[in-house]
Amino acid sequence: MSNKLKGKYGEDVAVDFLRKRGFEILERNFRYSKYSEIDIVAKKDKIVYFIEVKYRTNSFFGMPLESITKSKLEKIKKGVSYYISKHQGEFCSYRISALSIFGEKIDFLESILF
């Protein structure tokens, strides 16, 4: 399976996981520029979540959340700022989140801070 297909599969698993927990999926693969993409934009209880999805089938390249670097987070923040500017007044608050999939194990970090 190609990396692109693995990524899509991981995002599909993440969307299913989130929907089962009451999240409304607003967008997938929201692109601010060629350098900034937000995997999933979801809403629950008047909070918008900007979710980075990391999927791994093995730990050869490290665990999923280890690949969210400070540089990656800065790119996500730029995309979040742009999204917020385009949707002013549509939601009360937001969080930058991460969803890790490793085999059958799924971890959802509702708010990530670095």
PDB file of N, CA and C in Angstrom:
ATOM      1  N   MET A   1       0.845  -1.177   0.000  1.00  0.00           N
ATOM      2  CA  MET A   1       0.000   0.000   0.000  1.00  0.00           C
ATOM      3  C   MET A   1       0.891   1.241   0.000  1.00  0.00           C
ATOM      4  N   SER A   2       0.585   2.213  -0.851  1.00  0.00           N
ATOM      5  CA  SER A   2       1.389   3.437  -0.943  1.00  0.00           C
ATOM      6  C   SER A   2       1.167   4.308   0.295  1.00  0.00           C
ATOM      7  N   ASN A   3       2.093   5.238   0.510  1.00  0.00           N
ATOM      8  CA  ASN A   3       1.961   6.146   1.649  1.00  0.00           C
ATOM      9  C   ASN A   3       0.690   6.981   1.552  1.00  0.00           C
ATOM     10  N   LYS A   4       0.327   7.381   0.332  1.00  0.00           N
ATOM     11  CA  LYS A   4      -0.885   8.170   0.137  1.00  0.00           C
ATOM     12  C   LYS A   4      -2.118   7.365   0.553  1.00  0.00           C
ATOM     13  N   LEU A   5      -2.167   6.098   0.155  1.00  0.00           N
ATOM     14  CA  LEU A   5      -3.292   5.242   0.537  1.00  0.00           C
ATOM     15  C   LEU A   5      -3.316   4.976   2.036  1.00  0.00           C
ATOM     16  N   LYS A   6      -2.135   4.801   2.637  1.00  0.00           N
ATOM     17  CA  LYS A   6      -2.065   4.611   4.091  1.00  0.00           C
ATOM     18  C   LYS A   6      -2.590   5.846   4.815  1.00  0.00           C
ATOM     19  N   GLY A   7      -2.207   7.016   4.318  1.00  0.00           N
ATOM     20  CA  GLY A   7      -2.674   8.260   4.928  1.00  0.00           C
ATOM     21  C   GLY A   7      -4.176   8.399   4.839  1.00  0.00           C
ATOM     22  N   LYS A   8      -4.745   8.096   3.668  1.00  0.00           N
ATOM     23  CA  LYS A   8      -6.200   8.169   3.490  1.00  0.00           C
ATOM     24  C   LYS A   8      -6.891   7.166   4.400  1.00  0.00           C
ATOM     25  N   TYR A   9      -6.340   5.954   4.488  1.00  0.00           N
ATOM     26  CA  TYR A   9      -6.914   4.938   5.370  1.00  0.00           C
ATOM     27  C   TYR A   9      -6.916   5.433   6.818  1.00  0.00           C
ATOM     28  N   GLY A  10      -5.788   5.985   7.261  1.00  0.00           N
ATOM     29  CA  GLY A  10      -5.684   6.502   8.630  1.00  0.00           C
ATOM     30  C   GLY A  10      -6.702   7.602   8.890  1.00  0.00           C
ATOM     31  N   GLU A  11      -6.879   8.488   7.930  1.00  0.00           N
ATOM     32  CA  GLU A  11      -7.857   9.563   8.088  1.00  0.00           C
ATOM     33  C   GLU A  11      -9.279   9.014   8.098  1.00  0.00           C
ATOM     34  N   ASP A  12      -9.557   7.992   7.291  1.00  0.00           N
ATOM     35  CA  ASP A  12     -10.883   7.356   7.301  1.00  0.00           C
ATOM     36  C   ASP A  12     -11.182   6.735   8.666  1.00  0.00           C
ATOM     37  N   VAL A  13     -10.190   6.070   9.246  1.00  0.00           N
ATOM     38  CA  VAL A  13     -10.337   5.480  10.584  1.00  0.00           C
ATOM     39  C   VAL A  13     -10.590   6.595  11.600  1.00  0.00           C
ATOM     40  N   ALA A  14      -9.841   7.687  11.479  1.00  0.00           N
ATOM     41  CA  ALA A  14      -9.990   8.810  12.405  1.00  0.00           C
ATOM     42  C   ALA A  14     -11.383   9.433  12.306  1.00  0.00           C
ATOM     43  N   VAL A  15     -11.869   9.623  11.083  1.00  0.00           N
ATOM     44  CA  VAL A  15     -13.204  10.197  10.890  1.00  0.00           C
ATOM     45  C   VAL A  15     -14.261   9.295  11.522  1.00  0.00           C
ATOM     46  N   ASP A  16     -14.158   8.000  11.313  1.00  0.00           N
ATOM     47  CA  ASP A  16     -15.108   7.053  11.901  1.00  0.00           C
ATOM     48  C   ASP A  16     -15.062   7.133  13.427  1.00  0.00           C
ATOM     49  N   PHE A  17     -13.866   7.160  13.987  1.00  0.00           N
ATOM     50  CA  PHE A  17     -13.665   7.265  15.432  1.00  0.00           C
ATOM     51  C   PHE A  17     -14.331   8.534  15.975  1.00  0.00           C
ATOM     52  N   LEU A  18     -14.110   9.656  15.304  1.00  0.00           N
ATOM     53  CA  LEU A  18     -14.651  10.936  15.763  1.00  0.00           C
ATOM     54  C   LEU A  18     -16.177  10.987  15.647  1.00  0.00           C
ATOM     55  N   ARG A  19     -16.701  10.521  14.537  1.00  0.00           N
ATOM     56  CA  ARG A  19     -18.162  10.525  14.355  1.00  0.00           C
ATOM     57  C   ARG A  19     -18.859   9.696  15.425  1.00  0.00           C
ATOM     58  N   LYS A  20     -18.283   8.559  15.768  1.00  0.00           N
ATOM     59  CA  LYS A  20     -18.867   7.704  16.813  1.00  0.00           C
ATOM     60  C   LYS A  20     -18.873   8.388  18.173  1.00  0.00           C
ATOM     61  N   ARG A  21     -18.055   9.402  18.336  1.00  0.00           N
ATOM     62  CA  ARG A  21     -17.978  10.145  19.599  1.00  0.00           C
ATOM     63  C   ARG A  21     -18.689  11.489  19.520  1.00  0.00           C
ATOM     64  N   GLY A  22     -19.517  11.662  18.486  1.00  0.00           N
ATOM     65  CA  GLY A  22     -20.361  12.850  18.399  1.00  0.00           C
ATOM     66  C   GLY A  22     -19.777  14.056  17.699  1.00  0.00           C
ATOM     67  N   PHE A  23     -18.644  13.895  17.024  1.00  0.00           N
ATOM     68  CA  PHE A  23     -18.051  15.006  16.288  1.00  0.00           C
ATOM     69  C   PHE A  23     -18.714  15.147  14.919  1.00  0.00           C
ATOM     70  N   GLU A  24     -18.877  16.388  14.504  1.00  0.00           N
ATOM     71  CA  GLU A  24     -19.331  16.684  13.150  1.00  0.00           C
ATOM     72  C   GLU A  24     -18.086  17.027  12.335  1.00  0.00           C
ATOM     73  N   ILE A  25     -17.885  16.340  11.228  1.00  0.00           N
ATOM     74  CA  ILE A  25     -16.721  16.602  10.386  1.00  0.00           C
ATOM     75  C   ILE A  25     -17.056  17.777   9.470  1.00  0.00           C
ATOM     76  N   LEU A  26     -16.293  18.861   9.596  1.00  0.00           N
ATOM     77  CA  LEU A  26     -16.525  20.045   8.781  1.00  0.00           C
ATOM     78  C   LEU A  26     -15.730  20.005   7.480  1.00  0.00           C
ATOM     79  N   GLU A  27     -14.479  19.566   7.587  1.00  0.00           N
ATOM     80  CA  GLU A  27     -13.619  19.493   6.400  1.00  0.00           C
ATOM     81  C   GLU A  27     -12.552  18.429   6.593  1.00  0.00           C
ATOM     82  N   ARG A  28     -12.080  17.934   5.470  1.00  0.00           N
ATOM     83  CA  ARG A  28     -10.920  17.035   5.459  1.00  0.00           C
ATOM     84  C   ARG A  28      -9.880  17.636   4.536  1.00  0.00           C
ATOM     85  N   ASN A  29      -8.639  17.508   4.919  1.00  0.00           N
ATOM     86  CA  ASN A  29      -7.516  17.984   4.122  1.00  0.00           C
ATOM     87  C   ASN A  29      -7.659  19.458   3.749  1.00  0.00           C
ATOM     88  N   PHE A  30      -7.950  20.281   4.756  1.00  0.00           N
ATOM     89  CA  PHE A  30      -8.044  21.725   4.533  1.00  0.00           C
ATOM     90  C   PHE A  30      -6.651  22.268   4.262  1.00  0.00           C
ATOM     91  N   ARG A  31      -6.493  22.875   3.117  1.00  0.00           N
ATOM     92  CA  ARG A  31      -5.179  23.360   2.691  1.00  0.00           C
ATOM     93  C   ARG A  31      -5.152  24.885   2.720  1.00  0.00           C
ATOM     94  N   TYR A  32      -4.159  25.419   3.458  1.00  0.00           N
ATOM     95  CA  TYR A  32      -3.933  26.861   3.511  1.00  0.00           C
ATOM     96  C   TYR A  32      -2.918  27.268   2.439  1.00  0.00           C
ATOM     97  N   SER A  33      -1.911  26.484   2.278  1.00  0.00           N
ATOM     98  CA  SER A  33      -0.887  26.713   1.253  1.00  0.00           C
ATOM     99  C   SER A  33      -0.287  25.357   0.914  1.00  0.00           C
ATOM    100  N   LYS A  34       0.681  25.363   0.049  1.00  0.00           N
ATOM    101  CA  LYS A  34       1.298  24.076  -0.278  1.00  0.00           C
ATOM    102  C   LYS A  34       2.092  23.510   0.908  1.00  0.00           C
ATOM    103  N   TYR A  35       2.287  24.334   1.936  1.00  0.00           N
ATOM    104  CA  TYR A  35       3.050  23.898   3.101  1.00  0.00           C
ATOM    105  C   TYR A  35       2.185  23.584   4.325  1.00  0.00           C
ATOM    106  N   SER A  36       0.917  23.949   4.275  1.00  0.00           N
ATOM    107  CA  SER A  36       0.079  23.800   5.459  1.00  0.00           C
ATOM    108  C   SER A  36      -1.228  23.107   5.114  1.00  0.00           C
ATOM    109  N   GLU A  37      -1.429  21.943   5.719  1.00  0.00           N
ATOM    110  CA  GLU A  37      -2.672  21.206   5.534  1.00  0.00           C
ATOM    111  C   GLU A  37      -3.131  20.704   6.901  1.00  0.00           C
ATOM    112  N   ILE A  38      -4.425  20.827   7.137  1.00  0.00           N
ATOM    113  CA  ILE A  38      -5.018  20.307   8.363  1.00  0.00           C
ATOM    114  C   ILE A  38      -5.816  19.076   7.961  1.00  0.00           C
ATOM    115  N   ASP A  39      -5.507  17.944   8.558  1.00  0.00           N
ATOM    116  CA  ASP A  39      -6.116  16.680   8.152  1.00  0.00           C
ATOM    117  C   ASP A  39      -7.631  16.684   8.335  1.00  0.00           C
ATOM    118  N   ILE A  40      -8.092  17.075   9.518  1.00  0.00           N
ATOM    119  CA  ILE A  40      -9.531  17.065   9.802  1.00  0.00           C
ATOM    120  C   ILE A  40      -9.896  18.314  10.594  1.00  0.00           C
ATOM    121  N   VAL A  41     -10.968  18.960  10.165  1.00  0.00           N
ATOM    122  CA  VAL A  41     -11.572  20.038  10.947  1.00  0.00           C
ATOM    123  C   VAL A  41     -12.916  19.487  11.401  1.00  0.00           C
ATOM    124  N   ALA A  42     -13.118  19.428  12.713  1.00  0.00           N
ATOM    125  CA  ALA A  42     -14.334  18.831  13.270  1.00  0.00           C
ATOM    126  C   ALA A  42     -14.905  19.746  14.350  1.00  0.00           C
ATOM    127  N   LYS A  43     -16.177  19.545  14.652  1.00  0.00           N
ATOM    128  CA  LYS A  43     -16.851  20.377  15.648  1.00  0.00           C
ATOM    129  C   LYS A  43     -17.612  19.495  16.627  1.00  0.00           C
ATOM    130  N   LYS A  44     -17.545  19.898  17.903  1.00  0.00           N
ATOM    131  CA  LYS A  44     -18.328  19.231  18.946  1.00  0.00           C
ATOM    132  C   LYS A  44     -18.532  20.236  20.074  1.00  0.00           C
ATOM    133  N   ASP A  45     -19.769  20.367  20.513  1.00  0.00           N
ATOM    134  CA  ASP A  45     -20.086  21.249  21.636  1.00  0.00           C
ATOM    135  C   ASP A  45     -19.554  22.678  21.432  1.00  0.00           C
ATOM    136  N   LYS A  46     -19.756  23.239  20.270  1.00  0.00           N
ATOM    137  CA  LYS A  46     -19.360  24.613  19.925  1.00  0.00           C
ATOM    138  C   LYS A  46     -17.849  24.835  19.931  1.00  0.00           C
ATOM    139  N   ILE A  47     -17.088  23.766  19.938  1.00  0.00           N
ATOM    140  CA  ILE A  47     -15.630  23.853  19.855  1.00  0.00           C
ATOM    141  C   ILE A  47     -15.211  23.254  18.520  1.00  0.00           C
ATOM    142  N   VAL A  48     -14.340  23.958  17.806  1.00  0.00           N
ATOM    143  CA  VAL A  48     -13.805  23.441  16.556  1.00  0.00           C
ATOM    144  C   VAL A  48     -12.429  22.841  16.847  1.00  0.00           C
ATOM    145  N   TYR A  49     -12.234  21.635  16.337  1.00  0.00           N
ATOM    146  CA  TYR A  49     -10.979  20.908  16.528  1.00  0.00           C
ATOM    147  C   TYR A  49     -10.233  20.834  15.203  1.00  0.00           C
ATOM    148  N   PHE A  50      -8.989  21.235  15.222  1.00  0.00           N
ATOM    149  CA  PHE A  50      -8.108  21.100  14.062  1.00  0.00           C
ATOM    150  C   PHE A  50      -7.207  19.911  14.370  1.00  0.00           C
ATOM    151  N   ILE A  51      -7.430  18.809  13.655  1.00  0.00           N
ATOM    152  CA  ILE A  51      -6.850  17.526  14.059  1.00  0.00           C
ATOM    153  C   ILE A  51      -5.790  17.045  13.078  1.00  0.00           C
ATOM    154  N   GLU A  52      -4.623  16.793  13.613  1.00  0.00           N
ATOM    155  CA  GLU A  52      -3.529  16.174  12.859  1.00  0.00           C
ATOM    156  C   GLU A  52      -3.615  14.673  13.108  1.00  0.00           C
ATOM    157  N   VAL A  53      -3.705  13.902  12.034  1.00  0.00           N
ATOM    158  CA  VAL A  53      -3.820  12.451  12.142  1.00  0.00           C
ATOM    159  C   VAL A  53      -2.467  11.821  11.816  1.00  0.00           C
ATOM    160  N   LYS A  54      -2.030  10.926  12.678  1.00  0.00           N
ATOM    161  CA  LYS A  54      -0.787  10.191  12.452  1.00  0.00           C
ATOM    162  C   LYS A  54      -1.070   8.705  12.556  1.00  0.00           C
ATOM    163  N   TYR A  55      -0.760   8.000  11.493  1.00  0.00           N
ATOM    164  CA  TYR A  55      -1.043   6.563  11.397  1.00  0.00           C
ATOM    165  C   TYR A  55       0.260   5.816  11.145  1.00  0.00           C
ATOM    166  N   ARG A  56       0.472   4.768  11.907  1.00  0.00           N
ATOM    167  CA  ARG A  56       1.655   3.922  11.722  1.00  0.00           C
ATOM    168  C   ARG A  56       1.233   2.460  11.820  1.00  0.00           C
ATOM    169  N   THR A  57       1.900   1.638  11.014  1.00  0.00           N
ATOM    170  CA  THR A  57       1.663   0.198  11.095  1.00  0.00           C
ATOM    171  C   THR A  57       2.767  -0.483  11.902  1.00  0.00           C
ATOM    172  N   ASN A  58       3.902   0.225  12.060  1.00  0.00           N
ATOM    173  CA  ASN A  58       4.989  -0.290  12.887  1.00  0.00           C
ATOM    174  C   ASN A  58       5.758   0.895  13.467  1.00  0.00           C
ATOM    175  N   SER A  59       6.700   0.630  14.342  1.00  0.00           N
ATOM    176  CA  SER A  59       7.434   1.705  15.004  1.00  0.00           C
ATOM    177  C   SER A  59       8.814   1.954  14.387  1.00  0.00           C
ATOM    178  N   PHE A  60       9.039   1.457  13.169  1.00  0.00           N
ATOM    179  CA  PHE A  60      10.338   1.614  12.518  1.00  0.00           C
ATOM    180  C   PHE A  60      10.756   3.084  12.441  1.00  0.00           C
ATOM    181  N   PHE A  61       9.812   3.972  12.132  1.00  0.00           N
ATOM    182  CA  PHE A  61      10.101   5.401  12.044  1.00  0.00           C
ATOM    183  C   PHE A  61       9.638   6.150  13.297  1.00  0.00           C
ATOM    184  N   GLY A  62       9.407   5.426  14.374  1.00  0.00           N
ATOM    185  CA  GLY A  62       8.965   6.026  15.623  1.00  0.00           C
ATOM    186  C   GLY A  62       7.464   5.890  15.797  1.00  0.00           C
ATOM    187  N   MET A  63       7.020   6.276  16.955  1.00  0.00           N
ATOM    188  CA  MET A  63       5.594   6.230  17.256  1.00  0.00           C
ATOM    189  C   MET A  63       4.902   7.399  16.556  1.00  0.00           C
ATOM    190  N   PRO A  64       3.600   7.274  16.292  1.00  0.00           N
ATOM    191  CA  PRO A  64       2.911   8.282  15.496  1.00  0.00           C
ATOM    192  C   PRO A  64       3.060   9.719  15.984  1.00  0.00           C
ATOM    193  N   LEU A  65       2.834   9.965  17.256  1.00  0.00           N
ATOM    194  CA  LEU A  65       2.864  11.345  17.749  1.00  0.00           C
ATOM    195  C   LEU A  65       4.260  11.956  17.751  1.00  0.00           C
ATOM    196  N   GLU A  66       5.281  11.121  17.697  1.00  0.00           N
ATOM    197  CA  GLU A  66       6.653  11.633  17.657  1.00  0.00           C
ATOM    198  C   GLU A  66       6.940  12.406  16.375  1.00  0.00           C
ATOM    199  N   SER A  67       6.116  12.207  15.357  1.00  0.00           N
ATOM    200  CA  SER A  67       6.360  12.887  14.087  1.00  0.00           C
ATOM    201  C   SER A  67       5.718  14.274  14.019  1.00  0.00           C
ATOM    202  N   ILE A  68       5.042  14.695  15.075  1.00  0.00           N
ATOM    203  CA  ILE A  68       4.504  16.063  15.107  1.00  0.00           C
ATOM    204  C   ILE A  68       5.579  16.955  15.719  1.00  0.00           C
ATOM    205  N   THR A  69       6.355  17.555  14.858  1.00  0.00           N
ATOM    206  CA  THR A  69       7.478  18.390  15.285  1.00  0.00           C
ATOM    207  C   THR A  69       7.020  19.821  15.542  1.00  0.00           C
ATOM    208  N   LYS A  70       7.893  20.592  16.121  1.00  0.00           N
ATOM    209  CA  LYS A  70       7.606  22.014  16.338  1.00  0.00           C
ATOM    210  C   LYS A  70       7.354  22.708  15.002  1.00  0.00           C
ATOM    211  N   SER A  71       8.120  22.354  14.002  1.00  0.00           N
ATOM    212  CA  SER A  71       7.944  22.926  12.660  1.00  0.00           C
ATOM    213  C   SER A  71       6.575  22.568  12.083  1.00  0.00           C
ATOM    214  N   LYS A  72       6.174  21.323  12.237  1.00  0.00           N
ATOM    215  CA  LYS A  72       4.862  20.878  11.748  1.00  0.00           C
ATOM    216  C   LYS A  72       3.757  21.626  12.481  1.00  0.00           C
ATOM    217  N   LEU A  73       3.899  21.795  13.781  1.00  0.00           N
ATOM    218  CA  LEU A  73       2.903  22.500  14.576  1.00  0.00           C
ATOM    219  C   LEU A  73       2.787  23.963  14.134  1.00  0.00           C
ATOM    220  N   GLU A  74       3.888  24.592  13.814  1.00  0.00           N
ATOM    221  CA  GLU A  74       3.859  25.978  13.335  1.00  0.00           C
ATOM    222  C   GLU A  74       3.088  26.078  12.020  1.00  0.00           C
ATOM    223  N   LYS A  75       3.265  25.117  11.139  1.00  0.00           N
ATOM    224  CA  LYS A  75       2.521  25.096   9.871  1.00  0.00           C
ATOM    225  C   LYS A  75       1.021  24.906  10.123  1.00  0.00           C
ATOM    226  N   ILE A  76       0.694  24.042  11.067  1.00  0.00           N
ATOM    227  CA  ILE A  76      -0.711  23.829  11.421  1.00  0.00           C
ATOM    228  C   ILE A  76      -1.302  25.123  11.972  1.00  0.00           C
ATOM    229  N   LYS A  77      -0.570  25.807  12.839  1.00  0.00           N
ATOM    230  CA  LYS A  77      -1.055  27.057  13.436  1.00  0.00           C
ATOM    231  C   LYS A  77      -1.363  28.097  12.362  1.00  0.00           C
ATOM    232  N   LYS A  78      -0.541  28.171  11.329  1.00  0.00           N
ATOM    233  CA  LYS A  78      -0.798  29.119  10.235  1.00  0.00           C
ATOM    234  C   LYS A  78      -2.106  28.768   9.526  1.00  0.00           C
ATOM    235  N   GLY A  79      -2.320  27.485   9.292  1.00  0.00           N
ATOM    236  CA  GLY A  79      -3.564  27.043   8.666  1.00  0.00           C
ATOM    237  C   GLY A  79      -4.765  27.331   9.548  1.00  0.00           C
ATOM    238  N   VAL A  80      -4.615  27.133  10.857  1.00  0.00           N
ATOM    239  CA  VAL A  80      -5.694  27.412  11.811  1.00  0.00           C
ATOM    240  C   VAL A  80      -6.035  28.899  11.796  1.00  0.00           C
ATOM    241  N   SER A  81      -5.021  29.742  11.817  1.00  0.00           N
ATOM    242  CA  SER A  81      -5.253  31.195  11.789  1.00  0.00           C
ATOM    243  C   SER A  81      -6.011  31.606  10.537  1.00  0.00           C
ATOM    244  N   TYR A  82      -5.635  31.039   9.412  1.00  0.00           N
ATOM    245  CA  TYR A  82      -6.318  31.350   8.162  1.00  0.00           C
ATOM    246  C   TYR A  82      -7.772  30.871   8.215  1.00  0.00           C
ATOM    247  N   TYR A  83      -7.997  29.654   8.683  1.00  0.00           N
ATOM    248  CA  TYR A  83      -9.350  29.096   8.773  1.00  0.00           C
ATOM    249  C   TYR A  83     -10.227  29.976   9.667  1.00  0.00           C
ATOM    250  N   ILE A  84      -9.698  30.371  10.808  1.00  0.00           N
ATOM    251  CA  ILE A  84     -10.449  31.204  11.748  1.00  0.00           C
ATOM    252  C   ILE A  84     -10.808  32.544  11.105  1.00  0.00           C
ATOM    253  N   SER A  85      -9.868  33.125  10.376  1.00  0.00           N
ATOM    254  CA  SER A  85     -10.139  34.420   9.739  1.00  0.00           C
ATOM    255  C   SER A  85     -11.251  34.313   8.696  1.00  0.00           C
ATOM    256  N   LYS A  86     -11.386  33.169   8.057  1.00  0.00           N
ATOM    257  CA  LYS A  86     -12.420  32.958   7.047  1.00  0.00           C
ATOM    258  C   LYS A  86     -13.770  32.557   7.635  1.00  0.00           C
ATOM    259  N   HIS A  87     -13.785  32.154   8.909  1.00  0.00           N
ATOM    260  CA  HIS A  87     -15.020  31.681   9.550  1.00  0.00           C
ATOM    261  C   HIS A  87     -15.295  32.437  10.854  1.00  0.00           C
ATOM    262  N   GLN A  88     -15.046  33.722  10.859  1.00  0.00           N
ATOM    263  CA  GLN A  88     -15.227  34.519  12.075  1.00  0.00           C
ATOM    264  C   GLN A  88     -16.665  34.441  12.579  1.00  0.00           C
ATOM    265  N   GLY A  89     -16.802  34.250  13.881  1.00  0.00           N
ATOM    266  CA  GLY A  89     -18.099  34.229  14.523  1.00  0.00           C
ATOM    267  C   GLY A  89     -18.867  32.925  14.400  1.00  0.00           C
ATOM    268  N   GLU A  90     -18.294  31.922  13.763  1.00  0.00           N
ATOM    269  CA  GLU A  90     -19.013  30.666  13.563  1.00  0.00           C
ATOM    270  C   GLU A  90     -18.839  29.669  14.703  1.00  0.00           C
ATOM    271  N   PHE A  91     -17.874  29.913  15.594  1.00  0.00           N
ATOM    272  CA  PHE A  91     -17.664  29.006  16.711  1.00  0.00           C
ATOM    273  C   PHE A  91     -17.083  29.761  17.889  1.00  0.00           C
ATOM    274  N   CYS A  92     -17.263  29.193  19.072  1.00  0.00           N
ATOM    275  CA  CYS A  92     -16.850  29.864  20.311  1.00  0.00           C
ATOM    276  C   CYS A  92     -15.359  29.729  20.602  1.00  0.00           C
ATOM    277  N   SER A  93     -14.833  28.542  20.403  1.00  0.00           N
ATOM    278  CA  SER A  93     -13.416  28.316  20.688  1.00  0.00           C
ATOM    279  C   SER A  93     -12.883  27.197  19.807  1.00  0.00           C
ATOM    280  N   TYR A  94     -11.587  26.999  19.885  1.00  0.00           N
ATOM    281  CA  TYR A  94     -10.967  25.960  19.063  1.00  0.00           C
ATOM    282  C   TYR A  94      -9.818  25.302  19.809  1.00  0.00           C
ATOM    283  N   ARG A  95      -9.448  24.143  19.295  1.00  0.00           N
ATOM    284  CA  ARG A  95      -8.306  23.395  19.828  1.00  0.00           C
ATOM    285  C   ARG A  95      -7.519  22.791  18.677  1.00  0.00           C
ATOM    286  N   ILE A  96      -6.230  22.731  18.858  1.00  0.00           N
ATOM    287  CA  ILE A  96      -5.384  21.981  17.939  1.00  0.00           C
ATOM    288  C   ILE A  96      -5.179  20.620  18.598  1.00  0.00           C
ATOM    289  N   SER A  97      -5.550  19.576  17.876  1.00  0.00           N
ATOM    290  CA  SER A  97      -5.575  18.234  18.444  1.00  0.00           C
ATOM    291  C   SER A  97      -4.750  17.268  17.595  1.00  0.00           C
ATOM    292  N   ALA A  98      -4.531  16.097  18.145  1.00  0.00           N
ATOM    293  CA  ALA A  98      -3.825  15.041  17.413  1.00  0.00           C
ATOM    294  C   ALA A  98      -4.538  13.717  17.652  1.00  0.00           C
ATOM    295  N   LEU A  99      -4.591  12.923  16.617  1.00  0.00           N
ATOM    296  CA  LEU A  99      -5.170  11.594  16.716  1.00  0.00           C
ATOM    297  C   LEU A  99      -4.135  10.602  16.199  1.00  0.00           C
ATOM    298  N   SER A 100      -3.750   9.691  17.058  1.00  0.00           N
ATOM    299  CA  SER A 100      -2.708   8.714  16.761  1.00  0.00           C
ATOM    300  C   SER A 100      -3.327   7.342  16.550  1.00  0.00           C
ATOM    301  N   ILE A 101      -2.936   6.697  15.459  1.00  0.00           N
ATOM    302  CA  ILE A 101      -3.392   5.335  15.182  1.00  0.00           C
ATOM    303  C   ILE A 101      -2.157   4.466  15.028  1.00  0.00           C
ATOM    304  N   PHE A 102      -2.064   3.461  15.893  1.00  0.00           N
ATOM    305  CA  PHE A 102      -0.940   2.527  15.834  1.00  0.00           C
ATOM    306  C   PHE A 102      -1.523   1.132  15.947  1.00  0.00           C
ATOM    307  N   GLY A 103      -1.590   0.455  14.815  1.00  0.00           N
ATOM    308  CA  GLY A 103      -2.253  -0.846  14.797  1.00  0.00           C
ATOM    309  C   GLY A 103      -3.728  -0.647  15.088  1.00  0.00           C
ATOM    310  N   GLU A 104      -4.226  -1.285  16.127  1.00  0.00           N
ATOM    311  CA  GLU A 104      -5.631  -1.162  16.523  1.00  0.00           C
ATOM    312  C   GLU A 104      -5.839  -0.101  17.595  1.00  0.00           C
ATOM    313  N   LYS A 105      -4.755   0.481  18.099  1.00  0.00           N
ATOM    314  CA  LYS A 105      -4.838   1.437  19.201  1.00  0.00           C
ATOM    315  C   LYS A 105      -5.009   2.853  18.662  1.00  0.00           C
ATOM    316  N   ILE A 106      -6.031   3.554  19.168  1.00  0.00           N
ATOM    317  CA  ILE A 106      -6.291   4.934  18.776  1.00  0.00           C
ATOM    318  C   ILE A 106      -6.230   5.806  20.023  1.00  0.00           C
ATOM    319  N   ASP A 107      -5.434   6.869  19.949  1.00  0.00           N
ATOM    320  CA  ASP A 107      -5.344   7.846  21.029  1.00  0.00           C
ATOM    321  C   ASP A 107      -5.722   9.211  20.472  1.00  0.00           C
ATOM    322  N   PHE A 108      -6.613   9.897  21.169  1.00  0.00           N
ATOM    323  CA  PHE A 108      -7.035  11.228  20.748  1.00  0.00           C
ATOM    324  C   PHE A 108      -6.621  12.225  21.811  1.00  0.00           C
ATOM    325  N   LEU A 109      -5.737  13.128  21.448  1.00  0.00           N
ATOM    326  CA  LEU A 109      -5.303  14.197  22.338  1.00  0.00           C
ATOM    327  C   LEU A 109      -6.089  15.446  21.941  1.00  0.00           C
ATOM    328  N   GLU A 110      -7.057  15.829  22.759  1.00  0.00           N
ATOM    329  CA  GLU A 110      -7.956  16.926  22.401  1.00  0.00           C
ATOM    330  C   GLU A 110      -7.253  18.265  22.267  1.00  0.00           C
ATOM    331  N   SER A 111      -6.174  18.456  22.972  1.00  0.00           N
ATOM    332  CA  SER A 111      -5.445  19.714  22.892  1.00  0.00           C
ATOM    333  C   SER A 111      -3.957  19.429  23.032  1.00  0.00           C
ATOM    334  N   ILE A 112      -3.212  19.797  22.006  1.00  0.00           N
ATOM    335  CA  ILE A 112      -1.761  19.581  22.095  1.00  0.00           C
ATOM    336  C   ILE A 112      -1.064  20.924  22.240  1.00  0.00           C
ATOM    337  N   LEU A 113      -0.117  20.977  23.139  1.00  0.00           N
ATOM    338  CA  LEU A 113       0.681  22.175  23.384  1.00  0.00           C
ATOM    339  C   LEU A 113       2.133  21.785  23.361  1.00  0.00           C
ATOM    340  N   PHE A 114       2.924  22.578  22.668  1.00  0.00           N
ATOM    341  CA  PHE A 114       4.371  22.334  22.626  1.00  0.00           C
ATOM    342  C   PHE A 114       5.090  23.541  23.142  1.00  0.00           C
TER     343      PHE A 114
END
